[in-house]
């Protein structure tokens, strides 16, 4: 029975990829040399047993003809492969093309040219490795990435902040805050860069506000990397931090209950909008939708559904929407 290939972690994948690279570069390489190079490249101390298991994976699961020489005490390819890439299925090829198409998110960043290069190489190299042509795939499926685009070039800002994150250096930024329309200098410990709907942000500890804040890269007027070092809190998990928001706003969250009528309920209940959501279905087809969210952010979302949605609680959110509707009535002279 054929063994199912499982590479259970990014470290294992990186390790196996490097072993393959080492074998390709030399006619013969010993376990000792493989261990040394893995330590230099990945900072890993790996046992002989682990390396032998990785080589067995390359042989038995990926089909590489790797031999062992007792005389030279090392491993080598029986015949070096011209191109180290197994045949791909439609789904695997599709996944790679999606990855390459993420170039749209990386416009005006230091990674833009790398993604363009990757896309061209995939299309050129994988022509005879897939069971469906790229042209047929494009005819069968579309992958739209219609993101909002910043009006300013953020390449230099992205590069500096990313460098500061990887080197654990504090930064001094001049940041334009939309609400106050002010530019203030802030010292920040940058933790993570992420993209939301086409706009790049970074989160980090703001020394001015004494809390973790999010900053849009296109509103950063200038960045200076400081010599001061910082340590990221051990209990900080970016993915947990991101999940705390309904969309992008963090903090000031409260329990919100919204009633959607029978018309809109059909669409609302077929989606998981947030991990905290709860849905109560009523006899008339309407639903009570409950979520933990930032009031300002959920207010904008609810208003978008017009008369199909009614906030039940908290009262502060009901009042806020009432005030907004009064302003809209004046604008439209109802």
Protein backbone atom coordinates (compact mmCIF):
# COMPACT_ATOMS: atom_id res chain seq x y z
CA UNK A 1 0.00 0.00 0.00
CA UNK A 2 1.38 3.39 -1.02
CA UNK A 3 2.45 5.64 1.85
CA UNK A 4 0.68 9.02 2.12
CA UNK A 5 3.14 11.88 2.22
CA UNK A 6 2.75 14.10 5.26
CA UNK A 7 5.12 16.97 6.00
CA UNK A 8 3.58 18.12 9.24
CA UNK A 9 5.37 21.40 9.84
CA UNK A 10 7.03 24.32 8.09
CA UNK A 11 10.33 23.39 9.73
CA UNK A 12 10.16 19.86 8.29
CA UNK A 13 9.35 21.24 4.83
CA UNK A 14 12.22 23.73 5.01
CA UNK A 15 14.60 21.01 6.22
CA UNK A 16 13.70 18.58 3.41
CA UNK A 17 13.93 21.35 0.79
CA UNK A 18 17.43 22.28 1.98
CA UNK A 19 18.62 18.65 2.01
CA UNK A 20 17.46 18.41 -1.60
CA UNK A 21 19.39 21.59 -2.38
CA UNK A 22 22.57 20.26 -0.70
CA UNK A 23 22.38 17.02 -2.70
CA UNK A 24 21.95 18.98 -5.93
CA UNK A 25 24.99 21.17 -5.27
CA UNK A 26 27.50 18.38 -4.54
CA UNK A 27 28.42 14.96 -5.89
CA UNK A 28 28.50 13.54 -2.37
CA UNK A 29 27.51 14.87 1.05
CA UNK A 30 27.82 13.26 4.47
CA UNK A 31 25.37 13.31 7.37
CA UNK A 32 27.85 15.42 9.29
CA UNK A 33 27.91 18.07 6.54
CA UNK A 34 24.12 18.06 6.21
CA UNK A 35 23.77 18.61 9.99
CA UNK A 36 26.30 21.44 9.90
CA UNK A 37 24.61 23.22 7.00
CA UNK A 38 21.12 22.86 8.52
CA UNK A 39 22.47 24.41 11.71
CA UNK A 40 23.95 27.31 9.72
CA UNK A 41 20.92 27.87 7.47
CA UNK A 42 18.03 27.20 9.85
CA UNK A 43 19.61 27.31 13.30
CA UNK A 44 18.46 23.72 13.87
CA UNK A 45 20.23 20.92 15.69
CA UNK A 46 19.01 17.81 13.88
CA UNK A 47 19.76 14.16 14.71
CA UNK A 48 21.15 11.58 12.26
CA UNK A 49 17.87 9.69 12.58
CA UNK A 50 15.82 12.72 11.48
CA UNK A 51 18.01 13.35 8.44
CA UNK A 52 17.79 9.67 7.43
CA UNK A 53 14.01 9.88 7.72
CA UNK A 54 13.97 12.99 5.52
CA UNK A 55 16.09 11.26 2.90
CA UNK A 56 13.71 8.29 3.00
CA UNK A 57 10.84 10.73 2.35
CA UNK A 58 12.69 12.10 -0.67
CA UNK A 59 13.27 8.57 -1.97
CA UNK A 60 9.97 6.84 -1.26
CA UNK A 61 7.44 9.66 -1.42
CA UNK A 62 8.95 12.06 -3.94
CA UNK A 63 10.75 9.52 -6.13
CA UNK A 64 14.30 10.89 -6.02
CA UNK A 65 17.00 8.28 -6.68
CA UNK A 66 19.34 8.96 -3.77
CA UNK A 67 22.13 6.46 -3.07
CA UNK A 68 24.57 6.02 -0.19
CA UNK A 69 28.31 5.42 -0.64
CA UNK A 70 30.02 3.55 2.20
CA UNK A 71 33.38 4.37 0.68
CA UNK A 72 32.77 8.13 0.68
CA UNK A 73 30.40 7.98 3.68
CA UNK A 74 27.83 10.19 2.00
CA UNK A 75 24.68 10.50 -0.08
CA UNK A 76 24.40 11.36 -3.77
CA UNK A 77 21.97 11.37 -6.68
CA UNK A 78 22.23 8.38 -9.01
CA UNK A 79 21.40 10.92 -11.71
CA UNK A 80 20.90 14.55 -10.83
CA UNK A 81 17.38 15.68 -11.77
CA UNK A 82 17.15 18.44 -14.35
CA UNK A 83 14.24 20.00 -12.52
CA UNK A 84 13.24 19.13 -8.96
CA UNK A 85 9.46 19.21 -9.15
CA UNK A 86 6.92 16.35 -9.15
CA UNK A 87 3.96 16.19 -11.55
CA UNK A 88 1.05 18.31 -10.37
CA UNK A 89 -2.69 17.70 -10.34
CA UNK A 90 -5.23 20.35 -11.39
CA UNK A 91 -5.81 21.33 -7.76
CA UNK A 92 -2.11 21.62 -6.91
CA UNK A 93 -1.42 23.70 -10.01
CA UNK A 94 -4.44 25.88 -9.26
CA UNK A 95 -3.14 26.50 -5.74
CA UNK A 96 0.24 27.64 -7.09
CA UNK A 97 -1.39 29.97 -9.62
CA UNK A 98 -3.52 31.53 -6.84
CA UNK A 99 -0.33 32.07 -4.83
CA UNK A 100 1.34 33.77 -7.77
CA UNK A 101 -1.73 35.92 -8.42
CA UNK A 102 -1.40 37.38 -4.92
CA UNK A 103 0.97 39.80 -6.65
CA UNK A 104 -1.94 42.27 -6.59
CA UNK A 105 -1.62 42.52 -2.82
CA UNK A 106 2.11 43.23 -3.05
CA UNK A 107 2.03 46.21 -5.41
CA UNK A 108 4.47 48.92 -4.29
CA UNK A 109 6.17 46.64 -1.76
CA UNK A 110 9.68 45.14 -1.90
CA UNK A 111 8.07 41.77 -2.75
CA UNK A 112 6.32 42.93 -5.94
CA UNK A 113 9.12 41.94 -8.31
CA UNK A 114 9.57 38.59 -6.56
CA UNK A 115 5.90 37.71 -7.13
CA UNK A 116 6.07 38.81 -10.77
CA UNK A 117 9.13 36.62 -11.25
CA UNK A 118 7.42 33.68 -9.50
CA UNK A 119 4.35 33.99 -11.72
CA UNK A 120 6.45 33.94 -14.92
CA UNK A 121 8.56 31.01 -13.73
CA UNK A 122 5.52 28.95 -12.77
CA UNK A 123 3.90 29.46 -16.15
CA UNK A 124 7.13 28.65 -18.00
CA UNK A 125 8.37 25.73 -15.90
CA UNK A 126 5.16 23.90 -15.09
CA UNK A 127 3.89 23.59 -18.67
CA UNK A 128 4.67 19.85 -18.89
CA UNK A 129 4.18 19.07 -15.19
CA UNK A 130 0.41 19.45 -14.98
CA UNK A 131 -2.52 17.41 -16.23
CA UNK A 132 -4.48 20.51 -17.33
CA UNK A 133 -3.16 23.44 -19.33
CA UNK A 134 -3.02 26.89 -17.77
CA UNK A 135 -5.20 28.21 -20.62
CA UNK A 136 -7.95 25.66 -19.90
CA UNK A 137 -7.69 26.50 -16.21
CA UNK A 138 -8.21 30.20 -16.93
CA UNK A 139 -11.27 29.38 -19.06
CA UNK A 140 -12.76 27.20 -16.29
CA UNK A 141 -12.01 29.35 -13.23
CA UNK A 142 -11.45 33.00 -12.42
CA UNK A 143 -9.56 34.38 -9.44
CA UNK A 144 -10.59 38.02 -8.97
CA UNK A 145 -8.60 40.09 -6.51
CA UNK A 146 -10.36 43.46 -6.65
CA UNK A 147 -8.63 45.13 -3.75
CA UNK A 148 -8.68 48.75 -2.68
CA UNK A 149 -5.38 50.35 -3.69
CA UNK A 150 -3.48 53.03 -1.74
CA UNK A 151 -2.74 56.23 -3.64
CA UNK A 152 0.79 56.54 -2.27
CA UNK A 153 3.84 54.35 -2.83
CA UNK A 154 4.54 52.42 0.38
CA UNK A 155 7.57 50.45 -0.82
CA UNK A 156 10.15 52.27 1.33
CA UNK A 157 7.86 52.28 4.38
CA UNK A 158 7.10 48.57 4.00
CA UNK A 159 10.79 47.72 3.65
CA UNK A 160 11.88 49.66 6.73
CA UNK A 161 9.09 48.38 8.98
CA UNK A 162 9.58 44.79 7.85
CA UNK A 163 13.30 45.11 8.57
CA UNK A 164 12.57 46.53 12.04
CA UNK A 165 10.17 43.64 12.78
CA UNK A 166 12.68 40.97 11.82
CA UNK A 167 15.51 42.67 13.73
CA UNK A 168 13.35 43.59 16.76
CA UNK A 169 14.19 47.31 16.52
CA UNK A 170 11.90 50.10 17.68
CA UNK A 171 10.85 52.66 15.10
CA UNK A 172 9.99 56.34 15.19
CA UNK A 173 7.18 57.22 12.81
CA UNK A 174 5.29 60.35 11.82
CA UNK A 175 1.70 59.17 11.48
CA UNK A 176 -1.32 60.90 10.00
CA UNK A 177 -4.45 60.17 12.05
CA UNK A 178 -7.62 60.52 9.97
CA UNK A 179 -10.02 61.37 12.82
CA UNK A 180 -8.01 64.29 14.19
CA UNK A 181 -6.36 65.11 10.85
CA UNK A 182 -3.07 65.50 12.75
CA UNK A 183 0.42 64.20 12.14
CA UNK A 184 2.06 63.01 15.35
CA UNK A 185 5.42 61.44 16.10
CA UNK A 186 5.14 58.02 17.73
CA UNK A 187 7.63 55.50 19.02
CA UNK A 188 6.43 51.97 18.19
CA UNK A 189 7.55 48.38 18.74
CA UNK A 190 6.45 46.84 15.40
CA UNK A 191 5.07 43.29 15.69
CA UNK A 192 3.48 42.26 12.41
CA UNK A 193 2.61 43.49 8.89
CA UNK A 194 -0.69 42.33 7.38
CA UNK A 195 -3.03 43.13 4.51
CA UNK A 196 -6.73 43.85 4.83
CA UNK A 197 -8.81 44.38 1.68
CA UNK A 198 -5.77 45.53 -0.27
CA UNK A 199 -4.43 47.99 2.32
CA UNK A 200 -1.25 47.20 4.26
CA UNK A 201 -1.18 47.69 8.03
CA UNK A 202 1.23 46.91 10.82
CA UNK A 203 0.39 46.38 14.46
CA UNK A 204 2.68 47.13 17.36
CA UNK A 205 3.01 48.60 20.82
CA UNK A 206 2.52 52.36 20.65
CA UNK A 207 4.47 54.13 23.40
CA UNK A 208 2.33 57.26 22.99
CA UNK A 209 -0.94 55.40 23.72
CA UNK A 210 0.68 52.69 25.86
CA UNK A 211 -1.18 49.89 24.04
CA UNK A 212 -1.10 47.79 20.88
CA UNK A 213 -2.36 49.79 17.91
CA UNK A 214 -2.81 49.27 14.16
CA UNK A 215 -1.24 51.66 11.64
CA UNK A 216 -1.98 51.96 7.92
CA UNK A 217 1.29 52.05 5.96
CA UNK A 218 -0.04 54.62 3.49
CA UNK A 219 -0.58 57.05 6.40
CA UNK A 220 2.97 56.75 7.69
CA UNK A 221 4.71 59.96 6.64
CA UNK A 222 8.21 58.83 7.65
CA UNK A 223 9.99 55.93 9.39
CA UNK A 224 13.27 55.86 11.27
CA UNK A 225 14.67 52.61 12.63
CA UNK A 226 16.09 53.17 16.10
CA UNK A 227 18.95 51.38 17.82
CA UNK A 228 16.65 50.56 20.72
CA UNK A 229 15.64 46.90 20.85
CA UNK A 230 12.36 45.40 22.02
CA UNK A 231 11.00 41.99 22.94
CA UNK A 232 7.59 40.90 21.74
CA UNK A 233 5.33 39.76 24.61
CA UNK A 234 5.38 35.97 24.92
CA UNK A 235 1.60 35.86 25.14
CA UNK A 236 1.04 37.90 21.96
CA UNK A 237 -0.44 35.87 19.10
CA UNK A 238 -1.11 37.93 15.99
CA UNK A 239 -3.78 35.56 14.67
CA UNK A 240 -5.68 35.69 17.96
CA UNK A 241 -5.28 39.46 17.93
CA UNK A 242 -6.72 39.69 14.42
CA UNK A 243 -9.66 37.44 15.32
CA UNK A 244 -10.67 39.88 18.05
CA UNK A 245 -11.91 42.30 15.38
CA UNK A 246 -15.12 41.99 13.38
CA UNK A 247 -13.20 43.41 10.45
CA UNK A 248 -10.32 45.74 11.30
CA UNK A 249 -11.20 47.70 14.47
CA UNK A 250 -9.79 46.29 17.71
CA UNK A 251 -10.79 47.09 21.28
CA UNK A 252 -13.91 48.71 22.77
CA UNK A 253 -15.93 45.61 21.94
CA UNK A 254 -19.40 44.90 23.26
CA UNK A 255 -22.18 42.36 22.78
CA UNK A 256 -24.46 43.41 19.93
CA UNK A 257 -27.85 41.97 18.99
CA UNK A 258 -29.31 42.66 15.56
CA UNK A 259 -32.64 41.55 14.12
CA UNK A 260 -32.56 40.77 10.40
CA UNK A 261 -35.89 40.38 8.59
CA UNK A 262 -36.81 37.20 6.72
CA UNK A 263 -35.51 38.63 3.43
CA UNK A 264 -31.99 39.44 4.64
CA UNK A 265 -31.76 36.54 7.13
CA UNK A 266 -31.33 34.05 4.27
CA UNK A 267 -27.98 35.62 3.36
CA UNK A 268 -26.79 36.40 6.88
CA UNK A 269 -27.24 32.88 8.27
CA UNK A 270 -25.40 31.17 5.44
CA UNK A 271 -22.12 32.89 6.36
CA UNK A 272 -19.79 32.76 9.35
CA UNK A 273 -19.12 36.48 9.78
CA UNK A 274 -17.18 36.14 13.02
CA UNK A 275 -16.23 33.42 15.49
CA UNK A 276 -18.31 34.97 18.28
CA UNK A 277 -21.56 35.00 16.31
CA UNK A 278 -24.76 33.31 17.52
CA UNK A 279 -27.96 33.04 15.51
CA UNK A 280 -31.47 32.55 16.84
CA UNK A 281 -34.05 31.70 14.15
CA UNK A 282 -37.58 33.07 14.68
CA UNK A 283 -40.88 31.60 13.47
CA UNK A 284 -41.48 34.32 10.86
CA UNK A 285 -38.14 33.60 9.13
CA UNK A 286 -36.28 36.50 10.70
CA UNK A 287 -33.23 35.99 12.92
CA UNK A 288 -31.60 37.52 15.99
CA UNK A 289 -27.89 37.85 15.23
CA UNK A 290 -25.53 38.21 18.21
CA UNK A 291 -21.85 39.15 17.99
CA UNK A 292 -19.03 40.66 20.06
CA UNK A 293 -17.73 43.63 18.09
CA UNK A 294 -16.54 47.22 18.05
CA UNK A 295 -19.60 49.51 18.04
CA UNK A 296 -18.27 51.95 15.44
CA UNK A 297 -17.42 49.17 13.00
CA UNK A 298 -20.66 47.21 13.46
CA UNK A 299 -22.65 50.46 13.09
CA UNK A 300 -21.35 50.95 9.56
CA UNK A 301 -22.06 47.31 8.72
CA UNK A 302 -25.67 47.44 10.00
CA UNK A 303 -26.48 50.72 8.22
CA UNK A 304 -25.45 49.04 4.97
CA UNK A 305 -28.44 46.69 5.28
CA UNK A 306 -30.91 49.56 5.54
CA UNK A 307 -34.43 48.66 6.69
CA UNK A 308 -33.62 44.94 6.72
CA UNK A 309 -31.65 45.25 9.98
CA UNK A 310 -32.55 46.60 13.41
CA UNK A 311 -30.12 46.86 16.33
CA UNK A 312 -31.78 45.56 19.49
CA UNK A 313 -28.90 46.19 21.86
CA UNK A 314 -26.90 47.94 23.17
CA UNK A 315 -28.98 51.08 23.48
CA UNK A 316 -25.91 53.24 22.78
CA UNK A 317 -25.60 51.68 19.31
CA UNK A 318 -29.34 52.18 18.62
CA UNK A 319 -28.99 55.84 19.57
CA UNK A 320 -25.90 56.25 17.40
CA UNK A 321 -27.71 54.84 14.36
CA UNK A 322 -30.74 57.08 15.04
CA UNK A 323 -28.49 60.15 14.98
CA UNK A 324 -26.87 59.00 11.74
CA UNK A 325 -30.29 58.45 10.12
CA UNK A 326 -31.45 61.94 11.18
CA UNK A 327 -28.41 63.42 9.41
CA UNK A 328 -29.14 61.36 6.30
CA UNK A 329 -32.80 62.52 6.29
CA UNK A 330 -31.59 66.14 6.33
CA UNK A 331 -29.13 65.49 3.51
CA UNK A 332 -31.74 63.82 1.30
CA UNK A 333 -34.51 66.25 2.42
CA UNK A 334 -36.98 63.48 3.18
